């Protein structure tokens, strides 16, 4: 027999789905300048109703017990969000929720705790009230988010801080991390800007490849210095940098030394992560707007196993440009969404990377 066609699933089937981000609504009470969905405070046609949401969770159980992130838009605008969360909890999923924090009240926080939400992420994109409010395009957003954090703390619900980094707020990242520590967050996740949705309008705030490298080097150096979990998202280069730095320091990459970072990879789209939109469209991630199917038309397990797009993403030998020959392609993978936004090809090389593969040197 000849070699297996690139992108097809291996004989042992598709990888395990570990994390699913579900845009339960595209409606949002804010109009943040970086929003990948360009969400507005209005209704969107075709949004899955309660019955369809509960049916999807039943269907999802065929893929095991992934972590489910209820996101948006702003998921708390849905009146039935507690019903959805409760059903997911009953089915054995680890249910989490991503919010801008402004709609969190003491009563909502207690309800989220009651229905089994295990962690809430709150976005904080500025170290001051003025800079965060500017990023979120609404005066008072910072104050409301801090009130939301307080409500979570009083409800005994663990939370993390998420920060989208642009060239405009990069200097504030250390201060934001200090705020996360002071607030009692269990984690700080940084997201490198992907220019989709309204984020396309932030071209002047997009990182240079060198800035990108420097902030990830700084983030790596925070390991062991702060008593909370740190994770770089939409930043696959971090996993290359981590291996380079570990090698330089003579450190063996093990779970004990690097935790989950030692056993995961950069771009998880299609390999352990999946995104479902407010109308049921399935994508490798929220930033890579390439449709792989729709949950109203096919079972999610069938889409996960058979999507041509997902199977191409699972095969690093399909990658093009320098990503295709890079010795770190299996642990980094490059941001497929940035490649797609730059060229229209989701297999194209990551445009914001300074590294020159050894095969190119």
Protein backbone atom coordinates (compact mmCIF):
# COMPACT_ATOMS: atom_id res chain seq x y z
CA UNK A 1 0.00 0.00 0.00
CA UNK A 2 1.08 3.58 -0.63
CA UNK A 3 1.42 6.27 2.02
CA UNK A 4 -1.70 7.41 3.82
CA UNK A 5 -3.21 10.53 2.20
CA UNK A 6 -2.35 13.70 4.07
CA UNK A 7 -4.94 14.81 6.59
CA UNK A 8 -6.88 11.58 6.91
CA UNK A 9 -7.60 10.17 10.38
CA UNK A 10 -5.22 7.51 11.60
CA UNK A 11 -6.32 3.90 11.96
CA UNK A 12 -7.04 4.42 15.65
CA UNK A 13 -9.53 7.17 14.88
CA UNK A 14 -9.63 10.90 15.63
CA UNK A 15 -7.97 12.42 18.71
CA UNK A 16 -9.88 12.90 21.93
CA UNK A 17 -11.93 16.09 22.09
CA UNK A 18 -10.77 17.74 25.30
CA UNK A 19 -12.15 21.27 25.07
CA UNK A 20 -15.20 22.73 23.35
CA UNK A 21 -15.97 26.44 23.19
CA UNK A 22 -19.66 26.99 22.56
CA UNK A 23 -20.93 30.39 21.47
CA UNK A 24 -24.35 30.02 23.06
CA UNK A 25 -25.24 33.51 21.86
CA UNK A 26 -23.71 36.20 19.70
CA UNK A 27 -25.58 38.96 21.51
CA UNK A 28 -23.47 41.05 23.88
CA UNK A 29 -24.12 44.05 26.10
CA UNK A 30 -20.69 45.46 25.12
CA UNK A 31 -19.08 46.29 21.77
CA UNK A 32 -15.43 45.57 22.49
CA UNK A 33 -12.91 46.80 19.94
CA UNK A 34 -11.25 43.39 19.48
CA UNK A 35 -14.37 41.16 19.37
CA UNK A 36 -13.83 38.21 17.00
CA UNK A 37 -17.61 37.98 16.42
CA UNK A 38 -18.22 41.74 16.12
CA UNK A 39 -21.06 41.17 18.60
CA UNK A 40 -23.74 43.78 19.18
CA UNK A 41 -26.54 44.20 21.69
CA UNK A 42 -29.27 42.85 19.44
CA UNK A 43 -30.80 39.49 18.60
CA UNK A 44 -29.29 37.27 15.92
CA UNK A 45 -31.45 35.07 13.66
CA UNK A 46 -31.10 31.32 13.87
CA UNK A 47 -29.70 31.19 17.40
CA UNK A 48 -30.14 27.75 18.96
CA UNK A 49 -33.12 27.64 21.32
CA UNK A 50 -33.19 25.83 24.65
CA UNK A 51 -34.39 22.55 23.18
CA UNK A 52 -31.66 22.53 20.53
CA UNK A 53 -29.01 23.37 23.13
CA UNK A 54 -30.03 20.52 25.41
CA UNK A 55 -30.16 18.12 22.45
CA UNK A 56 -26.65 19.16 21.45
CA UNK A 57 -25.32 18.40 24.92
CA UNK A 58 -26.86 14.92 24.71
CA UNK A 59 -25.20 14.45 21.33
CA UNK A 60 -21.87 15.75 22.63
CA UNK A 61 -21.73 13.02 25.26
CA UNK A 62 -20.87 10.59 22.43
CA UNK A 63 -17.41 12.23 22.39
CA UNK A 64 -16.72 11.63 26.08
CA UNK A 65 -16.51 14.35 28.70
CA UNK A 66 -14.76 17.41 27.29
CA UNK A 67 -14.50 20.68 29.16
CA UNK A 68 -17.30 22.90 27.85
CA UNK A 69 -16.80 26.67 27.77
CA UNK A 70 -20.09 28.57 27.51
CA UNK A 71 -19.10 31.74 25.71
CA UNK A 72 -20.48 34.38 23.40
CA UNK A 73 -21.13 37.20 22.77
CA UNK A 74 -22.05 37.40 26.42
CA UNK A 75 -23.54 34.09 27.64
CA UNK A 76 -25.24 35.73 30.62
CA UNK A 77 -27.72 37.50 28.32
CA UNK A 78 -29.43 34.11 27.83
CA UNK A 79 -32.28 33.55 30.27
CA UNK A 80 -31.76 29.79 30.05
CA UNK A 81 -28.00 29.72 30.65
CA UNK A 82 -28.50 28.01 34.04
CA UNK A 83 -30.67 25.33 32.43
CA UNK A 84 -27.99 24.66 29.81
CA UNK A 85 -25.23 24.55 32.41
CA UNK A 86 -27.20 22.22 34.66
CA UNK A 87 -27.79 19.74 31.84
CA UNK A 88 -24.13 19.74 30.96
CA UNK A 89 -23.23 19.11 34.59
CA UNK A 90 -25.73 16.24 34.79
CA UNK A 91 -24.12 14.67 31.72
CA UNK A 92 -20.71 14.75 33.36
CA UNK A 93 -19.09 17.65 31.49
CA UNK A 94 -16.82 20.10 33.27
CA UNK A 95 -18.87 23.22 32.66
CA UNK A 96 -17.18 26.63 32.59
CA UNK A 97 -18.26 30.08 31.51
CA UNK A 98 -16.50 33.02 29.81
CA UNK A 99 -17.94 36.46 30.52
CA UNK A 100 -17.05 40.13 30.43
CA UNK A 101 -18.20 40.18 34.05
CA UNK A 102 -20.48 43.18 33.82
CA UNK A 103 -23.73 41.21 34.24
CA UNK A 104 -22.56 39.13 37.19
CA UNK A 105 -24.56 39.80 40.34
CA UNK A 106 -24.54 38.01 43.67
CA UNK A 107 -27.67 36.10 42.66
CA UNK A 108 -26.27 35.10 39.24
CA UNK A 109 -23.00 33.93 40.79
CA UNK A 110 -24.83 31.77 43.32
CA UNK A 111 -26.95 30.31 40.54
CA UNK A 112 -23.89 29.47 38.44
CA UNK A 113 -22.36 27.73 41.43
CA UNK A 114 -25.58 25.79 42.05
CA UNK A 115 -25.84 24.45 38.49
CA UNK A 116 -22.27 23.18 38.48
CA UNK A 117 -20.22 25.85 36.72
CA UNK A 118 -16.71 25.01 37.90
CA UNK A 119 -14.80 28.06 36.72
CA UNK A 120 -15.61 31.47 35.30
CA UNK A 121 -13.22 33.52 33.19
CA UNK A 122 -13.49 37.29 33.32
CA UNK A 123 -11.83 39.48 30.73
CA UNK A 124 -9.52 42.23 31.96
CA UNK A 125 -7.70 44.09 29.20
CA UNK A 126 -6.39 47.15 31.01
CA UNK A 127 -4.64 47.73 34.31
CA UNK A 128 -6.65 50.89 34.94
CA UNK A 129 -10.31 51.76 34.75
CA UNK A 130 -9.63 54.12 31.84
CA UNK A 131 -7.63 51.68 29.70
CA UNK A 132 -10.00 48.75 30.26
CA UNK A 133 -13.07 50.86 29.55
CA UNK A 134 -11.48 52.12 26.33
CA UNK A 135 -10.75 48.56 25.23
CA UNK A 136 -14.29 47.48 26.10
CA UNK A 137 -15.76 50.63 24.51
CA UNK A 138 -18.00 51.33 27.49
CA UNK A 139 -17.52 53.59 30.48
CA UNK A 140 -17.98 51.69 33.74
CA UNK A 141 -17.00 48.28 32.28
CA UNK A 142 -14.01 47.98 34.63
CA UNK A 143 -16.03 48.82 37.73
CA UNK A 144 -18.77 46.35 36.74
CA UNK A 145 -16.24 43.59 36.02
CA UNK A 146 -14.65 44.09 39.45
CA UNK A 147 -18.10 43.86 41.04
CA UNK A 148 -18.57 40.63 39.10
CA UNK A 149 -15.32 39.25 40.49
CA UNK A 150 -16.47 40.13 44.00
CA UNK A 151 -19.76 38.29 43.41
CA UNK A 152 -17.87 35.17 42.30
CA UNK A 153 -15.63 35.29 45.36
CA UNK A 154 -18.59 35.58 47.70
CA UNK A 155 -20.26 32.64 45.94
CA UNK A 156 -17.11 30.54 46.32
CA UNK A 157 -16.76 30.10 42.55
CA UNK A 158 -13.21 29.96 41.21
CA UNK A 159 -12.30 32.38 38.46
CA UNK A 160 -9.48 33.24 36.09
CA UNK A 161 -8.51 36.45 34.33
CA UNK A 162 -8.29 36.50 30.52
CA UNK A 163 -6.35 39.26 28.75
CA UNK A 164 -6.18 39.97 25.04
CA UNK A 165 -2.82 41.55 24.26
CA UNK A 166 -2.36 44.22 21.62
CA UNK A 167 0.48 46.65 21.06
CA UNK A 168 -1.58 49.24 22.91
CA UNK A 169 -1.88 47.38 26.23
CA UNK A 170 1.28 45.27 26.15
CA UNK A 171 3.03 47.53 28.66
CA UNK A 172 0.19 46.93 31.13
CA UNK A 173 0.41 43.12 31.14
CA UNK A 174 2.64 42.86 34.24
CA UNK A 175 0.27 45.17 36.13
CA UNK A 176 -2.77 43.18 34.96
CA UNK A 177 -1.10 40.01 36.20
CA UNK A 178 -0.58 41.70 39.59
CA UNK A 179 -4.27 42.59 39.67
CA UNK A 180 -5.15 38.96 38.92
CA UNK A 181 -2.99 37.89 41.87
CA UNK A 182 -4.48 40.50 44.18
CA UNK A 183 -8.02 39.51 43.22
CA UNK A 184 -7.38 35.85 44.02
CA UNK A 185 -7.66 34.46 40.50
CA UNK A 186 -6.58 30.85 40.04
CA UNK A 187 -5.14 31.54 36.58
CA UNK A 188 -4.13 34.24 34.12
CA UNK A 189 -4.59 33.41 30.45
CA UNK A 190 -3.18 35.76 27.82
CA UNK A 191 -4.56 35.83 24.28
CA UNK A 192 -2.48 37.22 21.43
CA UNK A 193 -4.71 39.26 19.13
CA UNK A 194 -6.10 37.41 16.12
CA UNK A 195 -7.39 39.96 13.56
CA UNK A 196 -10.94 38.68 13.03
CA UNK A 197 -14.29 40.41 13.49
CA UNK A 198 -13.77 43.93 14.86
CA UNK A 199 -10.20 42.87 15.55
CA UNK A 200 -9.54 43.47 11.84
CA UNK A 201 -9.87 47.17 12.60
CA UNK A 202 -6.94 46.99 15.02
CA UNK A 203 -4.30 46.56 12.35
CA UNK A 204 -2.22 49.34 13.85
CA UNK A 205 -2.32 47.51 17.20
CA UNK A 206 -1.19 44.17 15.79
CA UNK A 207 2.09 42.90 17.15
CA UNK A 208 5.23 42.74 15.14
CA UNK A 209 6.73 39.27 15.08
CA UNK A 210 9.53 40.49 17.35
CA UNK A 211 7.07 41.97 19.89
CA UNK A 212 5.24 38.65 19.81
CA UNK A 213 8.45 36.78 20.62
CA UNK A 214 9.43 39.13 23.44
CA UNK A 215 6.09 39.00 25.26
CA UNK A 216 6.06 35.21 25.13
CA UNK A 217 9.63 35.12 26.46
CA UNK A 218 8.49 37.34 29.34
CA UNK A 219 5.47 35.15 29.97
CA UNK A 220 7.65 32.05 30.11
CA UNK A 221 9.85 33.72 32.71
CA UNK A 222 6.83 34.21 34.98
CA UNK A 223 6.60 30.45 35.51
CA UNK A 224 7.47 29.68 39.09
CA UNK A 225 7.40 33.36 40.06
CA UNK A 226 3.65 33.60 40.58
CA UNK A 227 1.41 31.17 42.50
CA UNK A 228 -1.25 30.86 39.80
CA UNK A 229 -1.61 28.96 36.55
CA UNK A 230 -0.41 30.79 33.43
CA UNK A 231 -1.45 29.94 29.90
CA UNK A 232 -0.74 31.56 26.55
CA UNK A 233 -3.61 31.12 24.08
CA UNK A 234 -3.60 31.87 20.35
CA UNK A 235 0.16 31.89 20.86
CA UNK A 236 1.43 28.55 19.57
CA UNK A 237 5.02 29.86 19.42
CA UNK A 238 5.02 29.67 23.23
CA UNK A 239 5.39 25.89 23.01
CA UNK A 240 8.44 26.25 20.78
CA UNK A 241 9.92 28.88 23.11
CA UNK A 242 9.21 26.68 26.12
CA UNK A 243 11.16 23.80 24.58
CA UNK A 244 14.01 26.05 23.52
CA UNK A 245 14.32 27.57 26.99
CA UNK A 246 14.05 24.22 28.73
CA UNK A 247 16.82 22.84 26.52
CA UNK A 248 19.02 25.86 27.19
CA UNK A 249 18.56 25.39 30.93
CA UNK A 250 19.14 21.66 30.81
CA UNK A 251 15.61 21.05 32.09
CA UNK A 252 13.75 17.92 31.05
CA UNK A 253 10.23 18.67 29.91
CA UNK A 254 8.00 16.59 32.19
CA UNK A 255 4.58 17.03 33.75
CA UNK A 256 6.31 17.70 37.06
CA UNK A 257 8.45 20.50 35.61
CA UNK A 258 6.00 22.10 33.17
CA UNK A 259 2.54 20.78 34.09
CA UNK A 260 0.00 20.51 31.30
CA UNK A 261 2.22 22.60 29.03
CA UNK A 262 4.54 19.61 28.76
CA UNK A 263 1.86 17.42 27.21
CA UNK A 264 -0.08 19.84 25.03
CA UNK A 265 0.73 21.74 21.85
CA UNK A 266 0.28 25.20 20.41
CA UNK A 267 -2.62 25.33 17.97
CA UNK A 268 -5.24 22.91 19.26
CA UNK A 269 -7.83 23.59 16.56
CA UNK A 270 -9.11 20.23 15.37
CA UNK A 271 -6.70 18.21 17.52
CA UNK A 272 -8.19 18.63 20.98
CA UNK A 273 -10.34 21.72 20.62
CA UNK A 274 -13.51 22.61 18.72
CA UNK A 275 -15.80 25.63 18.42
CA UNK A 276 -19.58 25.68 17.89
CA UNK A 277 -21.29 28.92 16.88
CA UNK A 278 -24.62 30.39 17.96
CA UNK A 279 -26.29 28.82 14.91
CA UNK A 280 -24.57 25.44 15.28
CA UNK A 281 -21.75 25.87 12.77
CA UNK A 282 -18.64 23.92 13.73
CA UNK A 283 -15.19 25.51 13.32
CA UNK A 284 -11.68 24.46 14.38
CA UNK A 285 -11.68 27.52 16.66
CA UNK A 286 -13.62 30.74 17.03
CA UNK A 287 -11.03 32.72 15.10
CA UNK A 288 -10.70 30.34 12.16
CA UNK A 289 -13.91 30.97 10.24
CA UNK A 290 -13.85 27.79 8.17
CA UNK A 291 -17.02 25.72 8.46
CA UNK A 292 -16.58 22.01 9.19
CA UNK A 293 -20.27 21.13 9.49
CA UNK A 294 -23.36 22.03 11.50
CA UNK A 295 -24.69 20.24 14.57
CA UNK A 296 -28.27 20.56 13.30
CA UNK A 297 -27.34 18.58 10.20
CA UNK A 298 -24.84 15.98 11.46
CA UNK A 299 -23.91 14.46 14.83
CA UNK A 300 -20.96 16.23 16.40
CA UNK A 301 -19.03 12.94 16.63
CA UNK A 302 -19.36 12.46 12.87
CA UNK A 303 -18.13 15.99 12.17
CA UNK A 304 -15.21 15.54 14.57
CA UNK A 305 -14.13 12.30 12.91
CA UNK A 306 -14.82 12.99 9.25
CA UNK A 307 -14.33 16.72 8.56
CA UNK A 308 -11.73 17.17 5.84
CA UNK A 309 -10.68 20.49 7.36
CA UNK A 310 -10.13 18.99 10.82
CA UNK A 311 -8.21 16.04 9.42
CA UNK A 312 -5.91 18.35 7.48
CA UNK A 313 -5.22 20.35 10.62
CA UNK A 314 -4.30 17.14 12.44
CA UNK A 315 -1.52 16.40 9.97
CA UNK A 316 1.43 18.82 10.36
CA UNK A 317 2.81 17.54 7.08
CA UNK A 318 -0.04 19.42 5.38
CA UNK A 319 1.26 22.78 6.61
CA UNK A 320 2.81 25.10 4.06
CA UNK A 321 5.67 27.59 3.97
CA UNK A 322 8.15 27.51 6.81
CA UNK A 323 5.56 25.94 9.15
CA UNK A 324 5.59 22.89 6.89
CA UNK A 325 9.33 22.31 7.34
CA UNK A 326 9.78 23.59 10.90
CA UNK A 327 11.15 21.08 13.38
CA UNK A 328 8.65 22.45 15.94
CA UNK A 329 5.59 22.03 13.75
CA UNK A 330 4.17 19.19 15.89
CA UNK A 331 4.37 21.17 19.13
CA UNK A 332 3.66 24.66 17.75
CA UNK A 333 1.71 24.36 14.53
CA UNK A 334 1.51 28.11 14.02
CA UNK A 335 -1.77 30.00 14.34
CA UNK A 336 -3.91 28.59 11.55
CA UNK A 337 -6.35 31.52 11.92
CA UNK A 338 -3.64 34.13 11.34
CA UNK A 339 -2.40 32.22 8.31
CA UNK A 340 -5.96 32.13 7.00
CA UNK A 341 -6.58 35.84 7.60
CA UNK A 342 -3.32 36.73 5.85
CA UNK A 343 -3.64 34.45 2.82
CA UNK A 344 -7.08 32.78 2.69
CA UNK A 345 -5.37 29.41 3.28
CA UNK A 346 -5.64 27.89 6.76
CA UNK A 347 -2.61 25.71 6.06
CA UNK A 348 -0.38 28.70 5.25
CA UNK A 349 2.55 29.62 7.45
CA UNK A 350 2.05 31.71 10.58
CA UNK A 351 2.75 35.32 9.51
CA UNK A 352 3.90 36.51 12.96
CA UNK A 353 6.88 34.29 13.69
CA UNK A 354 10.56 35.21 13.81
CA UNK A 355 11.85 31.66 13.98
CA UNK A 356 13.78 30.31 11.00
CA UNK A 357 13.54 26.51 10.80
CA UNK A 358 16.86 24.69 10.69
CA UNK A 359 15.93 23.30 7.31
CA UNK A 360 15.81 26.90 6.04
CA UNK A 361 19.04 28.09 7.66
